[in-house]
């Protein structure tokens, strides 16, 4: 299984540490970016990845 490391600038780390509601949104964006990349590399579309064959 591939592991990913997310590195952020210190100012953004401080913002996310002090505002937990923001980290949820940021991690959602990161998740969508990584999953979209993997779906594209597999030669699929988001719709085919969700609905299956």
PDB file of N, CA and C in Angstrom:
ATOM      1  N   UNK A   1       0.843  -1.167   0.000  1.00  0.00           N
ATOM      2  CA  UNK A   1       0.000   0.000   0.000  1.00  0.00           C
ATOM      3  C   UNK A   1       0.893   1.236   0.000  1.00  0.00           C
ATOM      4  N   UNK A   2       0.552   2.180  -0.844  1.00  0.00           N
ATOM      5  CA  UNK A   2       1.314   3.427  -0.928  1.00  0.00           C
ATOM      6  C   UNK A   2       0.919   4.360   0.212  1.00  0.00           C
ATOM      7  N   UNK A   3       1.912   5.023   0.770  1.00  0.00           N
ATOM      8  CA  UNK A   3       1.658   6.003   1.819  1.00  0.00           C
ATOM      9  C   UNK A   3       2.017   7.386   1.288  1.00  0.00           C
ATOM     10  N   UNK A   4       1.287   8.375   1.748  1.00  0.00           N
ATOM     11  CA  UNK A   4       1.519   9.746   1.324  1.00  0.00           C
ATOM     12  C   UNK A   4       1.884  10.577   2.549  1.00  0.00           C
ATOM     13  N   UNK A   5       2.742  11.564   2.343  1.00  0.00           N
ATOM     14  CA  UNK A   5       3.119  12.487   3.401  1.00  0.00           C
ATOM     15  C   UNK A   5       2.720  13.886   2.953  1.00  0.00           C
ATOM     16  N   UNK A   6       1.974  14.565   3.789  1.00  0.00           N
ATOM     17  CA  UNK A   6       1.547  15.920   3.485  1.00  0.00           C
ATOM     18  C   UNK A   6       2.386  16.895   4.306  1.00  0.00           C
ATOM     19  N   UNK A   7       3.134  17.729   3.629  1.00  0.00           N
ATOM     20  CA  UNK A   7       3.967  18.714   4.292  1.00  0.00           C
ATOM     21  C   UNK A   7       3.400  20.104   3.991  1.00  0.00           C
ATOM     22  N   UNK A   8       3.209  20.882   5.043  1.00  0.00           N
ATOM     23  CA  UNK A   8       2.604  22.200   4.892  1.00  0.00           C
ATOM     24  C   UNK A   8       3.523  23.275   5.476  1.00  0.00           C
ATOM     25  N   UNK A   9       3.428  24.505   4.968  1.00  0.00           N
ATOM     26  CA  UNK A   9       4.192  25.615   5.544  1.00  0.00           C
ATOM     27  C   UNK A   9       3.769  25.851   6.996  1.00  0.00           C
ATOM     28  N   UNK A  10       4.685  26.386   7.798  1.00  0.00           N
ATOM     29  CA  UNK A  10       4.411  26.587   9.225  1.00  0.00           C
ATOM     30  C   UNK A  10       3.182  27.454   9.484  1.00  0.00           C
ATOM     31  N   UNK A  11       2.983  28.490   8.688  1.00  0.00           N
ATOM     32  CA  UNK A  11       1.821  29.363   8.897  1.00  0.00           C
ATOM     33  C   UNK A  11       0.524  28.581   8.718  1.00  0.00           C
ATOM     34  N   UNK A  12       0.486  27.712   7.716  1.00  0.00           N
ATOM     35  CA  UNK A  12      -0.709  26.905   7.484  1.00  0.00           C
ATOM     36  C   UNK A  12      -0.879  25.852   8.584  1.00  0.00           C
ATOM     37  N   UNK A  13       0.231  25.294   9.056  1.00  0.00           N
ATOM     38  CA  UNK A  13       0.158  24.330  10.165  1.00  0.00           C
ATOM     39  C   UNK A  13      -0.464  24.985  11.396  1.00  0.00           C
ATOM     40  N   UNK A  14      -0.048  26.212  11.687  1.00  0.00           N
ATOM     41  CA  UNK A  14      -0.587  26.922  12.847  1.00  0.00           C
ATOM     42  C   UNK A  14      -2.083  27.173  12.679  1.00  0.00           C
ATOM     43  N   UNK A  15      -2.482  27.596  11.481  1.00  0.00           N
ATOM     44  CA  UNK A  15      -3.898  27.843  11.218  1.00  0.00           C
ATOM     45  C   UNK A  15      -4.710  26.568  11.435  1.00  0.00           C
ATOM     46  N   UNK A  16      -4.238  25.458  10.899  1.00  0.00           N
ATOM     47  CA  UNK A  16      -4.975  24.199  11.017  1.00  0.00           C
ATOM     48  C   UNK A  16      -4.995  23.680  12.456  1.00  0.00           C
ATOM     49  N   UNK A  17      -3.933  23.957  13.205  1.00  0.00           N
ATOM     50  CA  UNK A  17      -3.888  23.513  14.603  1.00  0.00           C
ATOM     51  C   UNK A  17      -4.860  24.303  15.473  1.00  0.00           C
ATOM     52  N   UNK A  18      -5.101  25.551  15.120  1.00  0.00           N
ATOM     53  CA  UNK A  18      -5.960  26.397  15.950  1.00  0.00           C
ATOM     54  C   UNK A  18      -7.411  26.414  15.482  1.00  0.00           C
ATOM     55  N   UNK A  19      -7.663  25.919  14.252  1.00  0.00           N
ATOM     56  CA  UNK A  19      -9.037  25.921  13.719  1.00  0.00           C
ATOM     57  C   UNK A  19      -9.364  24.554  13.134  1.00  0.00           C
ATOM     58  N   UNK A  20      -9.822  23.616  13.968  1.00  0.00           N
ATOM     59  CA  UNK A  20     -10.061  22.248  13.504  1.00  0.00           C
ATOM     60  C   UNK A  20     -11.111  22.138  12.400  1.00  0.00           C
ATOM     61  N   UNK A  21     -12.021  23.092  12.307  1.00  0.00           N
ATOM     62  CA  UNK A  21     -13.029  23.021  11.246  1.00  0.00           C
ATOM     63  C   UNK A  21     -12.396  23.251   9.875  1.00  0.00           C
ATOM     64  N   UNK A  22     -11.284  23.958   9.840  1.00  0.00           N
ATOM     65  CA  UNK A  22     -10.600  24.226   8.581  1.00  0.00           C
ATOM     66  C   UNK A  22      -9.825  22.992   8.115  1.00  0.00           C
ATOM     67  N   UNK A  23      -9.233  22.257   9.050  1.00  0.00           N
ATOM     68  CA  UNK A  23      -8.451  21.084   8.658  1.00  0.00           C
ATOM     69  C   UNK A  23      -9.329  20.038   7.975  1.00  0.00           C
ATOM     70  N   UNK A  24     -10.585  19.942   8.369  1.00  0.00           N
ATOM     71  CA  UNK A  24     -11.506  19.003   7.730  1.00  0.00           C
ATOM     72  C   UNK A  24     -11.668  19.353   6.256  1.00  0.00           C
ATOM     73  N   UNK A  25     -11.816  20.615   5.953  1.00  0.00           N
ATOM     74  CA  UNK A  25     -11.964  21.051   4.563  1.00  0.00           C
ATOM     75  C   UNK A  25     -10.677  20.841   3.774  1.00  0.00           C
ATOM     76  N   UNK A  26      -9.546  21.167   4.374  1.00  0.00           N
ATOM     77  CA  UNK A  26      -8.259  21.012   3.686  1.00  0.00           C
ATOM     78  C   UNK A  26      -7.980  19.541   3.390  1.00  0.00           C
ATOM     79  N   UNK A  27      -8.215  18.668   4.362  1.00  0.00           N
ATOM     80  CA  UNK A  27      -7.968  17.243   4.140  1.00  0.00           C
ATOM     81  C   UNK A  27      -8.929  16.666   3.107  1.00  0.00           C
ATOM     82  N   UNK A  28     -10.141  17.197   3.026  1.00  0.00           N
ATOM     83  CA  UNK A  28     -11.070  16.775   1.976  1.00  0.00           C
ATOM     84  C   UNK A  28     -10.535  17.116   0.593  1.00  0.00           C
ATOM     85  N   UNK A  29      -9.956  18.300   0.460  1.00  0.00           N
ATOM     86  CA  UNK A  29      -9.364  18.714  -0.811  1.00  0.00           C
ATOM     87  C   UNK A  29      -8.169  17.825  -1.161  1.00  0.00           C
ATOM     88  N   UNK A  30      -7.326  17.562  -0.177  1.00  0.00           N
ATOM     89  CA  UNK A  30      -6.154  16.703  -0.399  1.00  0.00           C
ATOM     90  C   UNK A  30      -6.598  15.304  -0.807  1.00  0.00           C
ATOM     91  N   UNK A  31      -7.599  14.761  -0.119  1.00  0.00           N
ATOM     92  CA  UNK A  31      -8.100  13.424  -0.438  1.00  0.00           C
ATOM     93  C   UNK A  31      -8.632  13.369  -1.868  1.00  0.00           C
ATOM     94  N   UNK A  32      -9.411  14.372  -2.264  1.00  0.00           N
ATOM     95  CA  UNK A  32      -9.958  14.396  -3.623  1.00  0.00           C
ATOM     96  C   UNK A  32      -8.847  14.497  -4.669  1.00  0.00           C
ATOM     97  N   UNK A  33      -7.815  15.274  -4.375  1.00  0.00           N
ATOM     98  CA  UNK A  33      -6.705  15.418  -5.321  1.00  0.00           C
ATOM     99  C   UNK A  33      -5.955  14.097  -5.486  1.00  0.00           C
ATOM    100  N   UNK A  34      -5.671  13.425  -4.388  1.00  0.00           N
ATOM    101  CA  UNK A  34      -4.943  12.158  -4.465  1.00  0.00           C
ATOM    102  C   UNK A  34      -5.799  11.082  -5.115  1.00  0.00           C
ATOM    103  N   UNK A  35      -7.060  10.968  -4.733  1.00  0.00           N
ATOM    104  CA  UNK A  35      -7.917   9.938  -5.319  1.00  0.00           C
ATOM    105  C   UNK A  35      -8.141  10.208  -6.809  1.00  0.00           C
ATOM    106  N   UNK A  36      -8.299  11.466  -7.187  1.00  0.00           N
ATOM    107  CA  UNK A  36      -8.443  11.799  -8.594  1.00  0.00           C
ATOM    108  C   UNK A  36      -7.209  11.424  -9.398  1.00  0.00           C
ATOM    109  N   UNK A  37      -6.041  11.660  -8.824  1.00  0.00           N
ATOM    110  CA  UNK A  37      -4.788  11.296  -9.476  1.00  0.00           C
ATOM    111  C   UNK A  37      -4.712   9.781  -9.674  1.00  0.00           C
ATOM    112  N   UNK A  38      -5.041   9.020  -8.643  1.00  0.00           N
ATOM    113  CA  UNK A  38      -4.975   7.556  -8.741  1.00  0.00           C
ATOM    114  C   UNK A  38      -6.003   7.008  -9.730  1.00  0.00           C
ATOM    115  N   UNK A  39      -7.199   7.585  -9.746  1.00  0.00           N
ATOM    116  CA  UNK A  39      -8.226   7.157 -10.695  1.00  0.00           C
ATOM    117  C   UNK A  39      -7.761   7.433 -12.125  1.00  0.00           C
ATOM    118  N   UNK A  40      -7.173   8.598 -12.343  1.00  0.00           N
ATOM    119  CA  UNK A  40      -6.671   8.959 -13.678  1.00  0.00           C
ATOM    120  C   UNK A  40      -5.546   8.016 -14.102  1.00  0.00           C
ATOM    121  N   UNK A  41      -4.610   7.717 -13.195  1.00  0.00           N
ATOM    122  CA  UNK A  41      -3.498   6.825 -13.505  1.00  0.00           C
ATOM    123  C   UNK A  41      -3.983   5.419 -13.840  1.00  0.00           C
ATOM    124  N   UNK A  42      -5.115   5.016 -13.262  1.00  0.00           N
ATOM    125  CA  UNK A  42      -5.680   3.692 -13.539  1.00  0.00           C
ATOM    126  C   UNK A  42      -6.452   3.671 -14.858  1.00  0.00           C
ATOM    127  N   UNK A  43      -6.612   4.833 -15.503  1.00  0.00           N
ATOM    128  CA  UNK A  43      -7.325   4.909 -16.769  1.00  0.00           C
ATOM    129  C   UNK A  43      -8.829   4.889 -16.614  1.00  0.00           C
ATOM    130  N   UNK A  44      -9.302   5.300 -15.467  1.00  0.00           N
ATOM    131  CA  UNK A  44     -10.733   5.316 -15.199  1.00  0.00           C
ATOM    132  C   UNK A  44     -11.233   6.757 -15.135  1.00  0.00           C
ATOM    133  N   UNK A  45     -12.540   6.900 -14.926  1.00  0.00           N
ATOM    134  CA  UNK A  45     -13.135   8.193 -14.627  1.00  0.00           C
ATOM    135  C   UNK A  45     -13.716   8.095 -13.233  1.00  0.00           C
ATOM    136  N   UNK A  46     -14.049   9.221 -12.645  1.00  0.00           N
ATOM    137  CA  UNK A  46     -14.658   9.182 -11.306  1.00  0.00           C
ATOM    138  C   UNK A  46     -15.973   8.415 -11.320  1.00  0.00           C
ATOM    139  N   UNK A  47     -16.741   8.576 -12.401  1.00  0.00           N
ATOM    140  CA  UNK A  47     -18.024   7.886 -12.477  1.00  0.00           C
ATOM    141  C   UNK A  47     -17.833   6.378 -12.539  1.00  0.00           C
ATOM    142  N   UNK A  48     -16.882   5.913 -13.355  1.00  0.00           N
ATOM    143  CA  UNK A  48     -16.665   4.463 -13.456  1.00  0.00           C
ATOM    144  C   UNK A  48     -16.069   3.910 -12.175  1.00  0.00           C
ATOM    145  N   UNK A  49     -15.296   4.719 -11.461  1.00  0.00           N
ATOM    146  CA  UNK A  49     -14.716   4.257 -10.193  1.00  0.00           C
ATOM    147  C   UNK A  49     -15.790   4.098  -9.136  1.00  0.00           C
ATOM    148  N   UNK A  50     -16.834   4.926  -9.200  1.00  0.00           N
ATOM    149  CA  UNK A  50     -17.916   4.867  -8.208  1.00  0.00           C
ATOM    150  C   UNK A  50     -18.918   3.768  -8.553  1.00  0.00           C
ATOM    151  N   UNK A  51     -19.304   3.678  -9.820  1.00  0.00           N
ATOM    152  CA  UNK A  51     -20.353   2.743 -10.212  1.00  0.00           C
ATOM    153  C   UNK A  51     -19.835   1.336 -10.473  1.00  0.00           C
ATOM    154  N   UNK A  52     -18.549   1.187 -10.775  1.00  0.00           N
ATOM    155  CA  UNK A  52     -17.999  -0.137 -11.067  1.00  0.00           C
ATOM    156  C   UNK A  52     -18.253  -0.536 -12.498  1.00  0.00           C
ATOM    157  N   UNK A  53     -17.887  -1.798 -12.834  1.00  0.00           N
ATOM    158  CA  UNK A  53     -18.004  -2.240 -14.230  1.00  0.00           C
ATOM    159  C   UNK A  53     -19.427  -2.405 -14.707  1.00  0.00           C
TER     160      UNK A  53
END
